[in-house]
N, C-alpha and C. Protein backbone atom coordinates (compact mmCIF):
# COMPACT_ATOMS: atom_id res chain seq x y z
N UNK A 1 -26.83 -95.25 -142.38
CA UNK A 1 -26.35 -93.59 -143.06
C UNK A 1 -28.14 -94.42 -143.66
N UNK A 2 -28.32 -95.25 -144.54
CA UNK A 2 -29.42 -94.99 -145.56
C UNK A 2 -30.27 -96.37 -144.60
N UNK A 3 -31.71 -96.09 -143.85
CA UNK A 3 -32.23 -97.09 -142.92
C UNK A 3 -32.85 -97.98 -143.49
N UNK A 4 -33.81 -97.33 -144.81
CA UNK A 4 -34.75 -97.88 -145.59
C UNK A 4 -34.62 -97.39 -147.37
N UNK A 5 -34.82 -98.00 -147.98
CA UNK A 5 -36.03 -96.81 -149.56
C UNK A 5 -36.95 -97.41 -149.99
N UNK A 6 -37.64 -96.71 -150.12
CA UNK A 6 -39.20 -96.87 -150.76
C UNK A 6 -38.89 -95.84 -152.07
N UNK A 7 -39.65 -96.82 -152.80
CA UNK A 7 -39.49 -96.38 -154.40
C UNK A 7 -40.27 -96.91 -155.59
N UNK A 8 -40.37 -96.84 -156.41
CA UNK A 8 -40.60 -97.18 -157.47
C UNK A 8 -39.62 -98.83 -158.07
N UNK A 9 -40.47 -99.76 -158.04
CA UNK A 9 -39.20 -100.76 -158.67
C UNK A 9 -39.18 -100.90 -159.82
N UNK A 10 -38.10 -100.82 -160.80
CA UNK A 10 -37.33 -100.56 -161.68
C UNK A 10 -36.84 -101.59 -162.37
N UNK A 11 -36.43 -102.43 -161.92
CA UNK A 11 -36.33 -103.79 -162.08
C UNK A 11 -35.56 -104.36 -161.14
N UNK A 12 -35.58 -106.38 -161.70
CA UNK A 12 -35.84 -107.23 -160.84
C UNK A 12 -35.02 -107.91 -161.15
N UNK A 13 -34.03 -108.36 -160.64
CA UNK A 13 -32.91 -109.77 -160.94
C UNK A 13 -32.67 -110.30 -159.52
N UNK A 14 -32.60 -111.92 -159.71
CA UNK A 14 -32.23 -112.35 -158.38
C UNK A 14 -31.07 -111.96 -157.67
N UNK A 15 -29.82 -111.36 -158.33
CA UNK A 15 -29.32 -110.66 -157.41
C UNK A 15 -29.55 -109.31 -156.77
N UNK A 16 -30.12 -108.63 -158.05
CA UNK A 16 -30.21 -107.33 -157.55
C UNK A 16 -31.60 -105.94 -157.73
N UNK A 17 -31.57 -105.41 -157.15
CA UNK A 17 -33.08 -104.62 -157.86
C UNK A 17 -32.25 -103.33 -158.26
N UNK A 18 -33.32 -102.58 -159.17
CA UNK A 18 -32.90 -101.01 -158.60
C UNK A 18 -34.45 -100.19 -158.54
N UNK A 19 -34.36 -99.45 -158.00
CA UNK A 19 -35.49 -98.87 -157.14
C UNK A 19 -34.89 -97.19 -157.52
N UNK A 20 -36.76 -96.31 -158.47
CA UNK A 20 -36.44 -94.91 -158.13
C UNK A 20 -36.77 -94.64 -157.16
N UNK A 21 -36.45 -93.27 -156.54
CA UNK A 21 -37.08 -92.85 -155.16
C UNK A 21 -36.71 -91.15 -155.44
N UNK A 22 -37.65 -90.56 -155.68
CA UNK A 22 -37.60 -89.08 -155.80
C UNK A 22 -36.25 -88.50 -157.27
N UNK A 23 -36.32 -89.57 -157.89
CA UNK A 23 -36.17 -89.15 -159.25
C UNK A 23 -34.34 -89.84 -159.22
N UNK A 24 -33.63 -90.38 -158.10
CA UNK A 24 -33.17 -91.39 -158.49
C UNK A 24 -32.94 -92.94 -158.59
N UNK A 25 -32.11 -93.34 -159.27
CA UNK A 25 -32.28 -94.82 -159.31
C UNK A 25 -30.82 -95.65 -158.58
N UNK A 26 -31.73 -96.19 -157.72
CA UNK A 26 -30.63 -96.98 -156.50
C UNK A 26 -30.39 -98.72 -156.85
N UNK A 27 -29.36 -98.55 -156.92
CA UNK A 27 -28.82 -100.21 -157.53
C UNK A 27 -29.02 -101.17 -155.94
N UNK A 28 -29.37 -101.65 -155.79
CA UNK A 28 -29.01 -102.85 -154.90
C UNK A 28 -29.01 -104.01 -154.52
N UNK A 29 -28.15 -104.39 -154.16
CA UNK A 29 -27.68 -106.01 -153.95
C UNK A 29 -28.75 -106.63 -152.69
N UNK A 30 -29.42 -107.91 -153.43
CA UNK A 30 -30.10 -108.62 -153.02
C UNK A 30 -30.07 -110.27 -152.79
N UNK A 31 -30.17 -110.63 -151.97
CA UNK A 31 -30.45 -112.33 -152.17
C UNK A 31 -31.43 -112.74 -152.69
N UNK A 32 -31.01 -114.07 -152.71
CA UNK A 32 -32.50 -115.38 -153.13
C UNK A 32 -33.86 -114.87 -152.26
N UNK A 33 -33.41 -114.66 -151.11
CA UNK A 33 -34.59 -114.73 -149.93
C UNK A 33 -35.30 -113.64 -150.33
N UNK A 34 -34.81 -112.31 -150.26
CA UNK A 34 -35.55 -111.01 -150.78
C UNK A 34 -35.93 -111.47 -152.03
N UNK A 35 -34.88 -111.47 -152.99
CA UNK A 35 -35.98 -112.03 -154.13
C UNK A 35 -37.75 -112.70 -154.47
N UNK A 36 -37.51 -113.48 -153.55
CA UNK A 36 -38.50 -114.57 -153.81
C UNK A 36 -39.80 -113.73 -153.16
N UNK A 37 -39.70 -113.22 -151.82
CA UNK A 37 -40.15 -112.00 -151.43
C UNK A 37 -40.68 -110.78 -151.71
N UNK A 38 -40.19 -110.40 -152.73
CA UNK A 38 -40.72 -108.72 -154.07
C UNK A 38 -41.86 -109.49 -154.61
N UNK A 39 -42.78 -108.37 -154.19
CA UNK A 39 -44.41 -109.02 -155.06
C UNK A 39 -43.87 -107.64 -156.30
N UNK A 40 -44.61 -108.17 -157.13
CA UNK A 40 -44.55 -108.13 -158.54
C UNK A 40 -45.26 -106.17 -158.47
N UNK A 41 -45.67 -105.82 -156.82
CA UNK A 41 -46.20 -104.02 -157.32
C UNK A 41 -44.75 -103.05 -157.57
N UNK A 42 -45.73 -101.63 -158.25
CA UNK A 42 -44.43 -101.21 -158.39
C UNK A 42 -43.93 -100.84 -157.43
N UNK A 43 -44.36 -100.08 -156.21
CA UNK A 43 -43.87 -99.60 -154.65
C UNK A 43 -43.28 -100.88 -154.02
N UNK A 44 -41.98 -100.41 -153.24
CA UNK A 44 -41.34 -101.96 -152.76
C UNK A 44 -40.57 -100.41 -151.87
N UNK A 45 -40.80 -101.66 -150.72
CA UNK A 45 -39.48 -100.85 -149.39
C UNK A 45 -38.65 -101.71 -148.62
N UNK A 46 -37.11 -101.12 -149.51
CA UNK A 46 -36.07 -102.80 -148.76
C UNK A 46 -35.46 -102.22 -147.55
N UNK A 47 -35.22 -102.64 -146.23
CA UNK A 47 -34.29 -102.44 -145.51
C UNK A 47 -32.39 -102.28 -146.02
N UNK A 48 -32.08 -101.65 -145.63
CA UNK A 48 -30.82 -101.52 -146.25
C UNK A 48 -29.34 -101.08 -145.25
N UNK A 49 -28.28 -101.56 -145.91
CA UNK A 49 -27.09 -101.90 -145.38
C UNK A 49 -26.34 -101.01 -146.62
N UNK A 50 -25.76 -100.55 -146.35
CA UNK A 50 -24.83 -99.29 -146.97
C UNK A 50 -23.41 -99.69 -146.54
N UNK A 51 -22.33 -100.42 -147.63
CA UNK A 51 -20.53 -100.38 -147.16
C UNK A 51 -20.68 -99.61 -148.00
N UNK A 52 -19.32 -99.19 -147.04
CA UNK A 52 -18.22 -98.08 -148.17
C UNK A 52 -16.94 -99.07 -147.74
N UNK A 53 -16.29 -99.52 -149.53
CA UNK A 53 -14.83 -99.74 -148.91
C UNK A 53 -14.14 -98.81 -150.19
N UNK A 54 -12.88 -98.78 -149.74
CA UNK A 54 -11.87 -98.07 -150.90
C UNK A 54 -12.68 -97.97 -152.46
N UNK A 55 -12.71 -99.28 -152.73
CA UNK A 55 -12.89 -99.16 -154.38
C UNK A 55 -14.30 -99.07 -154.41
N UNK A 56 -15.20 -99.16 -153.50
CA UNK A 56 -16.47 -99.38 -153.77
C UNK A 56 -17.12 -98.97 -152.93
N UNK A 57 -19.07 -97.95 -152.64
CA UNK A 57 -19.39 -98.18 -151.87
C UNK A 57 -20.98 -98.98 -152.35
N UNK A 58 -20.92 -99.46 -151.97
CA UNK A 58 -22.41 -100.40 -152.62
C UNK A 58 -23.45 -100.88 -151.24
N UNK A 59 -24.60 -100.97 -151.69
CA UNK A 59 -26.19 -101.36 -151.13
C UNK A 59 -26.81 -102.26 -151.06
N UNK A 60 -26.73 -102.77 -150.02
CA UNK A 60 -27.43 -104.10 -149.96
C UNK A 60 -29.08 -104.00 -149.81
N UNK A 61 -30.02 -104.47 -149.61
CA UNK A 61 -31.51 -104.64 -149.19
C UNK A 61 -31.96 -105.83 -149.42
N UNK A 62 -32.99 -105.43 -147.94
CA UNK A 62 -33.54 -107.09 -147.16
C UNK A 62 -34.76 -106.44 -147.40
N UNK A 63 -35.49 -107.44 -147.37
CA UNK A 63 -36.84 -107.06 -147.05
C UNK A 63 -37.67 -107.29 -146.15
N UNK A 64 -36.78 -107.71 -145.09
CA UNK A 64 -37.11 -107.68 -143.63
C UNK A 64 -35.70 -107.34 -142.93
N UNK A 65 -36.38 -107.03 -141.74
CA UNK A 65 -35.55 -105.95 -140.72
C UNK A 65 -34.53 -107.33 -140.29
N UNK A 66 -34.84 -108.08 -139.85
CA UNK A 66 -34.48 -110.26 -139.14
C UNK A 66 -33.12 -110.37 -140.26
N UNK A 67 -33.66 -110.19 -141.80
CA UNK A 67 -32.48 -110.59 -142.79
C UNK A 67 -31.21 -109.62 -142.71
N UNK A 68 -31.34 -108.22 -142.78
CA UNK A 68 -30.52 -107.92 -142.44
C UNK A 68 -29.86 -107.24 -141.27
N UNK A 69 -30.27 -107.85 -139.91
CA UNK A 69 -29.37 -108.10 -138.67
C UNK A 69 -29.09 -109.30 -138.71
N UNK A 70 -29.03 -110.63 -139.34
CA UNK A 70 -28.56 -111.72 -139.78
C UNK A 70 -26.80 -111.54 -140.64
N UNK A 71 -27.57 -110.40 -141.51
CA UNK A 71 -26.63 -110.32 -143.34
C UNK A 71 -25.22 -109.81 -141.70
N UNK A 72 -25.08 -108.38 -141.18
CA UNK A 72 -24.70 -108.08 -140.64
C UNK A 72 -24.03 -108.41 -139.23
N UNK A 73 -25.06 -109.01 -138.50
CA UNK A 73 -23.48 -110.15 -137.83
C UNK A 73 -22.40 -111.41 -138.65
N UNK A 74 -23.39 -111.59 -139.72
CA UNK A 74 -22.70 -112.32 -140.47
C UNK A 74 -21.31 -111.26 -140.66
N UNK A 75 -20.75 -109.94 -141.76
CA UNK A 75 -20.16 -109.70 -142.04
C UNK A 75 -19.00 -109.62 -140.78
N UNK A 76 -20.17 -109.71 -139.85
CA UNK A 76 -18.63 -108.68 -138.50
C UNK A 76 -18.10 -110.35 -137.87
N UNK A 77 -18.36 -111.68 -138.53
CA UNK A 77 -16.99 -112.36 -138.53
C UNK A 77 -15.76 -112.20 -139.45
N UNK A 78 -14.70 -112.71 -138.72
CA UNK A 78 -13.71 -112.39 -139.64
C UNK A 78 -13.59 -113.12 -140.62
N UNK A 79 -13.27 -112.98 -141.84
CA UNK A 79 -13.12 -113.73 -143.02
C UNK A 79 -14.70 -114.07 -144.27
N UNK A 80 -15.99 -113.48 -143.52
CA UNK A 80 -17.06 -113.42 -143.85
C UNK A 80 -17.39 -112.06 -144.49
N UNK A 81 -17.33 -111.93 -146.15
CA UNK A 81 -17.40 -110.90 -146.30
C UNK A 81 -19.15 -110.49 -146.44
N UNK A 82 -18.98 -109.07 -147.63
CA UNK A 82 -20.65 -109.42 -147.62
C UNK A 82 -20.64 -110.50 -148.73
N UNK A 83 -20.44 -110.67 -150.03
CA UNK A 83 -20.64 -111.44 -150.66
C UNK A 83 -20.77 -112.81 -150.22
N UNK A 84 -19.98 -113.36 -149.26
CA UNK A 84 -20.58 -114.73 -148.85
C UNK A 84 -21.42 -114.87 -147.81
N UNK A 85 -21.84 -113.79 -146.95
CA UNK A 85 -22.51 -113.08 -146.26
C UNK A 85 -24.53 -113.36 -146.90
N UNK A 86 -24.48 -112.81 -148.37
CA UNK A 86 -25.24 -112.86 -149.16
C UNK A 86 -25.27 -114.37 -149.46
N UNK A 87 -24.21 -114.89 -150.23
CA UNK A 87 -24.63 -115.97 -150.26
C UNK A 87 -25.39 -117.07 -149.21
N UNK A 88 -24.60 -116.81 -148.39
CA UNK A 88 -25.68 -117.41 -147.18
C UNK A 88 -27.17 -117.71 -146.99
N UNK A 89 -27.13 -116.36 -146.92
CA UNK A 89 -28.99 -115.60 -147.06
C UNK A 89 -29.43 -116.38 -148.31
N UNK A 90 -28.70 -116.61 -149.25
CA UNK A 90 -29.30 -116.64 -150.42
C UNK A 90 -29.56 -118.75 -150.77
N UNK A 91 -28.69 -119.28 -149.84
CA UNK A 91 -28.97 -120.73 -149.73
C UNK A 91 -29.86 -121.37 -148.78
N UNK A 92 -30.49 -120.12 -147.75
CA UNK A 92 -31.18 -119.87 -146.32
C UNK A 92 -31.56 -119.45 -146.01
N UNK A 93 -32.80 -119.84 -145.16
CA UNK A 93 -33.73 -118.02 -145.09
C UNK A 93 -32.80 -117.90 -143.73
N UNK A 94 -33.48 -116.70 -143.46
CA UNK A 94 -32.14 -116.18 -141.95
C UNK A 94 -32.96 -116.86 -140.84
N UNK A 95 -33.53 -117.10 -140.75
CA UNK A 95 -34.21 -117.87 -139.66
C UNK A 95 -33.12 -119.54 -139.85
N UNK A 96 -33.16 -120.18 -140.54
CA UNK A 96 -32.30 -121.90 -140.73
C UNK A 96 -31.06 -121.17 -140.53
N UNK A 97 -30.62 -119.77 -140.93
CA UNK A 97 -29.14 -119.40 -140.46
C UNK A 97 -29.25 -118.81 -138.90
N UNK A 98 -30.19 -118.49 -138.67
CA UNK A 98 -30.24 -118.07 -136.60
C UNK A 98 -30.02 -119.67 -135.85
N UNK A 99 -30.92 -119.92 -136.30
CA UNK A 99 -31.25 -121.57 -136.11
C UNK A 99 -29.71 -122.01 -135.70
N UNK A 100 -29.86 -122.65 -136.60
CA UNK A 100 -28.16 -123.55 -137.50
C UNK A 100 -26.91 -122.80 -136.22
N UNK A 101 -26.52 -121.84 -136.15
CA UNK A 101 -25.58 -120.85 -135.20
C UNK A 101 -26.34 -120.78 -133.82
N UNK A 102 -27.94 -120.69 -133.38
CA UNK A 102 -27.97 -120.87 -132.28
C UNK A 102 -27.65 -122.79 -131.90
N UNK A 103 -27.39 -123.34 -132.26
CA UNK A 103 -27.59 -124.87 -132.27
C UNK A 103 -26.50 -125.05 -132.30
N UNK A 104 -25.67 -123.95 -132.96
CA UNK A 104 -24.31 -124.46 -132.89
C UNK A 104 -24.23 -126.17 -134.33
N UNK A 105 -24.82 -125.82 -135.83
CA UNK A 105 -24.36 -127.16 -136.42
C UNK A 105 -23.99 -126.60 -137.38
N UNK A 106 -22.56 -126.57 -137.26
CA UNK A 106 -21.39 -126.33 -137.99
C UNK A 106 -22.17 -127.70 -139.46
N UNK A 107 -22.46 -128.62 -139.58
CA UNK A 107 -22.26 -128.93 -140.73
C UNK A 107 -23.48 -128.40 -141.70
N UNK A 108 -25.09 -127.56 -141.22
CA UNK A 108 -26.08 -127.06 -142.04
C UNK A 108 -25.12 -125.90 -142.47
N UNK A 109 -24.69 -125.26 -141.87
CA UNK A 109 -23.79 -124.02 -141.80
C UNK A 109 -22.45 -124.06 -142.83
N UNK A 110 -21.91 -125.50 -142.78
CA UNK A 110 -20.36 -125.83 -143.96
C UNK A 110 -22.00 -126.58 -145.09
N UNK A 111 -22.99 -126.73 -145.27
CA UNK A 111 -23.26 -127.33 -146.78
C UNK A 111 -23.92 -125.75 -147.53
N UNK A 112 -23.05 -125.12 -146.97
CA UNK A 112 -23.30 -123.83 -148.23
C UNK A 112 -22.60 -123.38 -149.01
N UNK A 113 -22.29 -123.26 -150.38
CA UNK A 113 -21.20 -123.40 -151.04
C UNK A 113 -20.56 -122.18 -150.88
N UNK A 114 -19.15 -122.47 -150.84
CA UNK A 114 -17.55 -121.79 -150.15
C UNK A 114 -17.86 -121.51 -148.93
N UNK A 115 -18.03 -122.63 -148.27
CA UNK A 115 -18.51 -122.14 -146.27
C UNK A 115 -17.38 -123.57 -146.11
N UNK A 116 -16.09 -123.28 -145.32
CA UNK A 116 -15.64 -124.30 -145.27
C UNK A 116 -15.58 -125.19 -143.96
N UNK A 117 -15.06 -125.90 -142.85
CA UNK A 117 -15.28 -126.29 -141.68
C UNK A 117 -15.06 -124.74 -140.38
N UNK A 118 -13.45 -124.74 -141.25
CA UNK A 118 -13.28 -123.19 -140.22
C UNK A 118 -14.38 -122.18 -140.50
N UNK A 119 -14.82 -121.83 -141.17
CA UNK A 119 -15.31 -120.40 -141.46
C UNK A 119 -16.78 -121.05 -140.95
N UNK A 120 -17.22 -122.34 -140.39
CA UNK A 120 -18.48 -122.33 -139.63
C UNK A 120 -18.64 -122.71 -138.81
N UNK A 121 -17.09 -122.64 -138.56
CA UNK A 121 -16.89 -122.94 -136.83
C UNK A 121 -17.08 -121.57 -136.41
N UNK A 122 -15.92 -120.97 -137.05
CA UNK A 122 -15.85 -119.61 -136.61
C UNK A 122 -16.81 -118.06 -136.45
N UNK A 123 -17.95 -119.14 -137.11
CA UNK A 123 -19.40 -118.08 -137.48
C UNK A 123 -20.11 -118.29 -136.03
N UNK A 124 -19.81 -119.54 -135.85
CA UNK A 124 -20.96 -119.99 -135.00
C UNK A 124 -20.18 -119.79 -133.38
N UNK A 125 -18.65 -119.93 -133.70
CA UNK A 125 -18.65 -119.09 -132.30
C UNK A 125 -18.47 -118.04 -132.08
N UNK A 126 -18.09 -117.14 -132.86
CA UNK A 126 -18.25 -115.62 -133.02
C UNK A 126 -19.70 -115.34 -132.50
N UNK A 127 -20.65 -115.83 -133.27
CA UNK A 127 -22.47 -115.18 -132.82
C UNK A 127 -23.45 -115.97 -132.64
N UNK A 128 -22.93 -117.32 -131.55
CA UNK A 128 -23.94 -118.09 -131.45
C UNK A 128 -24.75 -117.12 -130.15
N UNK A 129 -23.85 -117.09 -129.08
CA UNK A 129 -23.83 -115.26 -127.57
C UNK A 129 -24.85 -114.37 -128.30
N UNK A 130 -24.34 -113.86 -129.76
CA UNK A 130 -25.07 -112.57 -130.21
C UNK A 130 -26.29 -113.09 -130.51
N UNK A 131 -26.58 -114.19 -131.40
CA UNK A 131 -28.32 -114.73 -131.82
C UNK A 131 -28.90 -114.91 -130.63
N UNK A 132 -28.34 -115.59 -129.54
CA UNK A 132 -29.75 -115.75 -128.20
C UNK A 132 -29.59 -114.83 -127.72
N UNK A 133 -29.27 -113.95 -128.25
CA UNK A 133 -29.20 -112.63 -127.35
C UNK A 133 -29.90 -111.91 -127.72
N UNK A 134 -29.48 -111.76 -129.26
CA UNK A 134 -30.09 -110.56 -130.22
C UNK A 134 -31.77 -110.48 -130.44
N UNK A 135 -31.72 -112.37 -130.58
CA UNK A 135 -33.43 -112.95 -131.06
C UNK A 135 -34.06 -113.10 -130.08
N UNK A 136 -33.67 -113.49 -129.00
CA UNK A 136 -34.16 -114.15 -127.76
C UNK A 136 -34.45 -115.07 -128.22
N UNK A 137 -33.91 -116.32 -128.54
CA UNK A 137 -33.75 -117.58 -128.36
C UNK A 137 -33.89 -118.99 -127.56
N UNK A 138 -34.67 -119.09 -127.13
CA UNK A 138 -34.60 -119.91 -125.89
C UNK A 138 -33.99 -121.14 -126.48
N UNK A 139 -32.88 -122.03 -126.19
CA UNK A 139 -31.98 -122.89 -126.89
C UNK A 139 -32.73 -124.48 -126.73
N UNK A 140 -33.47 -124.16 -125.69
CA UNK A 140 -34.16 -125.35 -125.23
C UNK A 140 -34.90 -125.58 -126.22
N UNK A 141 -36.15 -125.45 -127.08
CA UNK A 141 -36.94 -125.64 -128.00
C UNK A 141 -35.94 -125.68 -129.50
N UNK A 142 -34.54 -124.98 -129.73
CA UNK A 142 -33.95 -125.75 -130.64
C UNK A 142 -33.15 -126.63 -130.86
N UNK A 143 -32.57 -126.91 -129.65
CA UNK A 143 -32.31 -128.68 -129.31
C UNK A 143 -33.27 -129.24 -129.31
N UNK A 144 -34.62 -129.33 -128.89
CA UNK A 144 -35.46 -130.05 -129.40
C UNK A 144 -35.61 -130.59 -131.16
N UNK A 145 -35.14 -129.47 -131.93
CA UNK A 145 -35.57 -129.47 -133.10
C UNK A 145 -34.52 -130.43 -133.51
N UNK A 146 -33.35 -129.62 -133.13
CA UNK A 146 -32.34 -130.50 -133.40
C UNK A 146 -32.50 -131.98 -133.23
N UNK A 147 -33.06 -132.49 -131.84
CA UNK A 147 -33.08 -133.99 -132.00
C UNK A 147 -33.97 -134.79 -132.95
N UNK A 148 -35.18 -134.10 -133.43
CA UNK A 148 -35.73 -134.82 -134.74
C UNK A 148 -34.97 -134.83 -135.32
N UNK A 149 -33.96 -134.30 -136.40
CA UNK A 149 -33.35 -134.39 -136.79
C UNK A 149 -32.09 -135.90 -136.75
N UNK A 150 -31.26 -135.72 -135.28
CA UNK A 150 -30.79 -136.98 -134.75
C UNK A 150 -31.02 -138.00 -135.26
N UNK A 151 -32.95 -138.28 -134.11
CA UNK A 151 -33.72 -139.07 -134.47
C UNK A 151 -33.38 -140.24 -135.42
N UNK A 152 -34.31 -138.59 -136.79
CA UNK A 152 -34.84 -139.08 -138.00
C UNK A 152 -33.63 -139.93 -139.07
N UNK A 153 -31.97 -139.36 -138.37
CA UNK A 153 -30.71 -140.12 -139.03
C UNK A 153 -30.33 -141.29 -138.35
N UNK A 154 -30.65 -141.38 -137.15
CA UNK A 154 -30.35 -143.18 -136.68
C UNK A 154 -31.64 -143.95 -137.32
N UNK A 155 -32.63 -143.39 -137.55
CA UNK A 155 -33.35 -144.54 -137.92
C UNK A 155 -32.92 -144.73 -139.24
N UNK A 156 -33.05 -144.04 -140.28
CA UNK A 156 -32.44 -144.39 -141.30
C UNK A 156 -31.17 -145.06 -141.82
N UNK A 157 -29.95 -144.48 -141.09
CA UNK A 157 -29.13 -145.22 -140.73
C UNK A 157 -29.27 -147.10 -140.58
N UNK A 158 -30.59 -147.37 -139.25
CA UNK A 158 -30.63 -148.20 -139.52
C UNK A 158 -31.41 -149.24 -140.25
N UNK A 159 -32.30 -148.68 -141.50
CA UNK A 159 -32.46 -149.47 -142.65
C UNK A 159 -31.39 -149.35 -143.46
N UNK A 160 -30.28 -148.84 -143.27
CA UNK A 160 -29.77 -149.18 -144.12
C UNK A 160 -28.93 -147.89 -145.27
N UNK A 161 -29.30 -146.85 -144.59
CA UNK A 161 -28.93 -145.91 -145.83
C UNK A 161 -27.53 -145.33 -144.96
N UNK A 162 -26.76 -144.82 -146.21
CA UNK A 162 -24.93 -144.09 -145.35
C UNK A 162 -26.10 -142.74 -144.71
N UNK A 163 -25.86 -142.14 -143.41
CA UNK A 163 -25.46 -141.33 -142.94
C UNK A 163 -25.38 -140.05 -143.57
N UNK A 164 -23.85 -139.36 -144.43
CA UNK A 164 -24.15 -138.37 -145.10
C UNK A 164 -24.88 -138.49 -146.04
N UNK A 165 -25.66 -139.12 -147.18
CA UNK A 165 -26.26 -139.01 -148.12
C UNK A 165 -27.96 -138.92 -147.39
N UNK A 166 -28.14 -139.66 -146.35
CA UNK A 166 -29.30 -139.40 -145.30
C UNK A 166 -29.56 -138.00 -144.95
N UNK A 167 -28.53 -137.41 -144.34
CA UNK A 167 -27.88 -135.64 -144.43
C UNK A 167 -28.61 -135.04 -144.69
N UNK A 168 -27.83 -135.00 -146.50
CA UNK A 168 -28.37 -134.62 -147.33
C UNK A 168 -29.81 -134.28 -146.93
N UNK A 169 -30.80 -135.01 -147.59
CA UNK A 169 -31.53 -135.34 -147.32
C UNK A 169 -32.55 -134.53 -146.66
N UNK A 170 -31.99 -135.34 -145.37
CA UNK A 170 -32.75 -134.51 -143.94
C UNK A 170 -32.49 -133.00 -144.06
N UNK A 171 -31.76 -132.59 -144.10
CA UNK A 171 -31.34 -131.15 -144.29
C UNK A 171 -32.28 -130.50 -145.42
N UNK A 172 -31.95 -131.11 -146.36
CA UNK A 172 -32.98 -130.38 -147.27
C UNK A 172 -34.67 -130.20 -147.07
N UNK A 173 -35.00 -131.19 -146.33
CA UNK A 173 -36.78 -131.41 -145.85
C UNK A 173 -36.60 -130.31 -145.00
N UNK A 174 -35.53 -129.98 -144.14
CA UNK A 174 -35.81 -129.39 -143.06
C UNK A 174 -35.71 -127.91 -143.39
N UNK A 175 -35.38 -127.50 -144.38
CA UNK A 175 -34.83 -126.43 -145.03
C UNK A 175 -36.01 -125.43 -144.92
N UNK A 176 -37.57 -126.75 -145.58
CA UNK A 176 -38.17 -126.38 -146.36
C UNK A 176 -39.79 -126.31 -144.58
N UNK A 177 -39.55 -127.36 -144.16
CA UNK A 177 -40.31 -127.28 -143.52
C UNK A 177 -39.65 -127.58 -141.71
N UNK A 178 -39.40 -126.79 -140.88
CA UNK A 178 -38.52 -127.44 -139.73
C UNK A 178 -39.51 -127.53 -139.00
N UNK A 179 -40.32 -127.51 -138.80
CA UNK A 179 -41.36 -127.97 -137.42
C UNK A 179 -41.79 -129.61 -137.62
N UNK A 180 -41.01 -130.13 -138.95
CA UNK A 180 -41.97 -131.47 -138.76
C UNK A 180 -41.55 -132.55 -137.81
N UNK A 181 -42.23 -133.40 -137.63
CA UNK A 181 -42.18 -134.51 -136.39
C UNK A 181 -41.43 -135.57 -136.97
N UNK A 182 -40.12 -135.90 -135.84
CA UNK A 182 -39.60 -137.29 -136.38
C UNK A 182 -40.20 -138.41 -137.09
N UNK A 183 -41.25 -138.62 -136.95
CA UNK A 183 -41.51 -139.67 -138.10
C UNK A 183 -42.07 -138.83 -139.31
N UNK A 184 -42.79 -137.92 -139.81
CA UNK A 184 -42.86 -137.21 -140.88
C UNK A 184 -41.68 -137.14 -141.64
N UNK A 185 -40.40 -136.59 -140.86
CA UNK A 185 -39.28 -136.33 -141.70
C UNK A 185 -38.69 -137.53 -142.29
N UNK A 186 -39.04 -138.62 -141.63
CA UNK A 186 -38.47 -140.03 -141.98
C UNK A 186 -39.59 -140.46 -142.87
N UNK A 187 -40.38 -140.05 -143.05
CA UNK A 187 -40.81 -140.70 -144.39
C UNK A 187 -40.97 -139.65 -145.53
N UNK A 188 -40.95 -138.66 -145.15
CA UNK A 188 -40.73 -137.43 -146.45
C UNK A 188 -39.24 -138.12 -146.89
N UNK A 189 -37.91 -138.51 -146.00
CA UNK A 189 -36.78 -138.51 -146.31
C UNK A 189 -36.41 -139.74 -147.23
N UNK A 190 -37.41 -141.00 -146.82
CA UNK A 190 -37.08 -142.40 -147.73
C UNK A 190 -38.00 -142.05 -148.81
N UNK A 191 -38.57 -140.87 -149.16
CA UNK A 191 -39.13 -140.78 -150.23
C UNK A 191 -38.43 -140.17 -151.32
N UNK A 192 -37.09 -139.78 -150.40
CA UNK A 192 -36.60 -138.84 -151.63
C UNK A 192 -34.83 -139.65 -151.22
N UNK A 193 -35.43 -140.72 -150.93
CA UNK A 193 -33.88 -141.32 -151.34
C UNK A 193 -33.13 -142.66 -151.39
């Protein structure tokens, strides 16, 4: 119904913004990803998703269309509501969520607060084919990135680190720098373990 809103940024918070457009103030829920990309300029444009429920009409805003697309895919999964999808997009970038779904990386999705093993599996099961189709992802390139992670984890285990502890550190590093080589990933992990 409402594709996007362009107007003056009146209020900016980590979970919502207020945008004034043609004399109307729109309260728009946002993720931390969108919050971090909103410039301090007065004028702003957000792509929106309008959700109508019996008890509320809610607007969700996204800095880019790809984030909105991931949001819409997530809320199509049974058991994943708008607030859970927003939490996921606040914990990881849309690209990280997309890639985790594409390669079936349940532990990464499960690392998000409030997402259990069953929900993570359901998200992957329901969305893997859609993500590959919508974003035109080549599965082979994604598996290569996952291979780097596995090689780094194996090396850290050989060095005497517990797998769970090493995996937390490796996942955190890959969130900020997903293109790291195995060697660089191991070096960064050793600094943080």
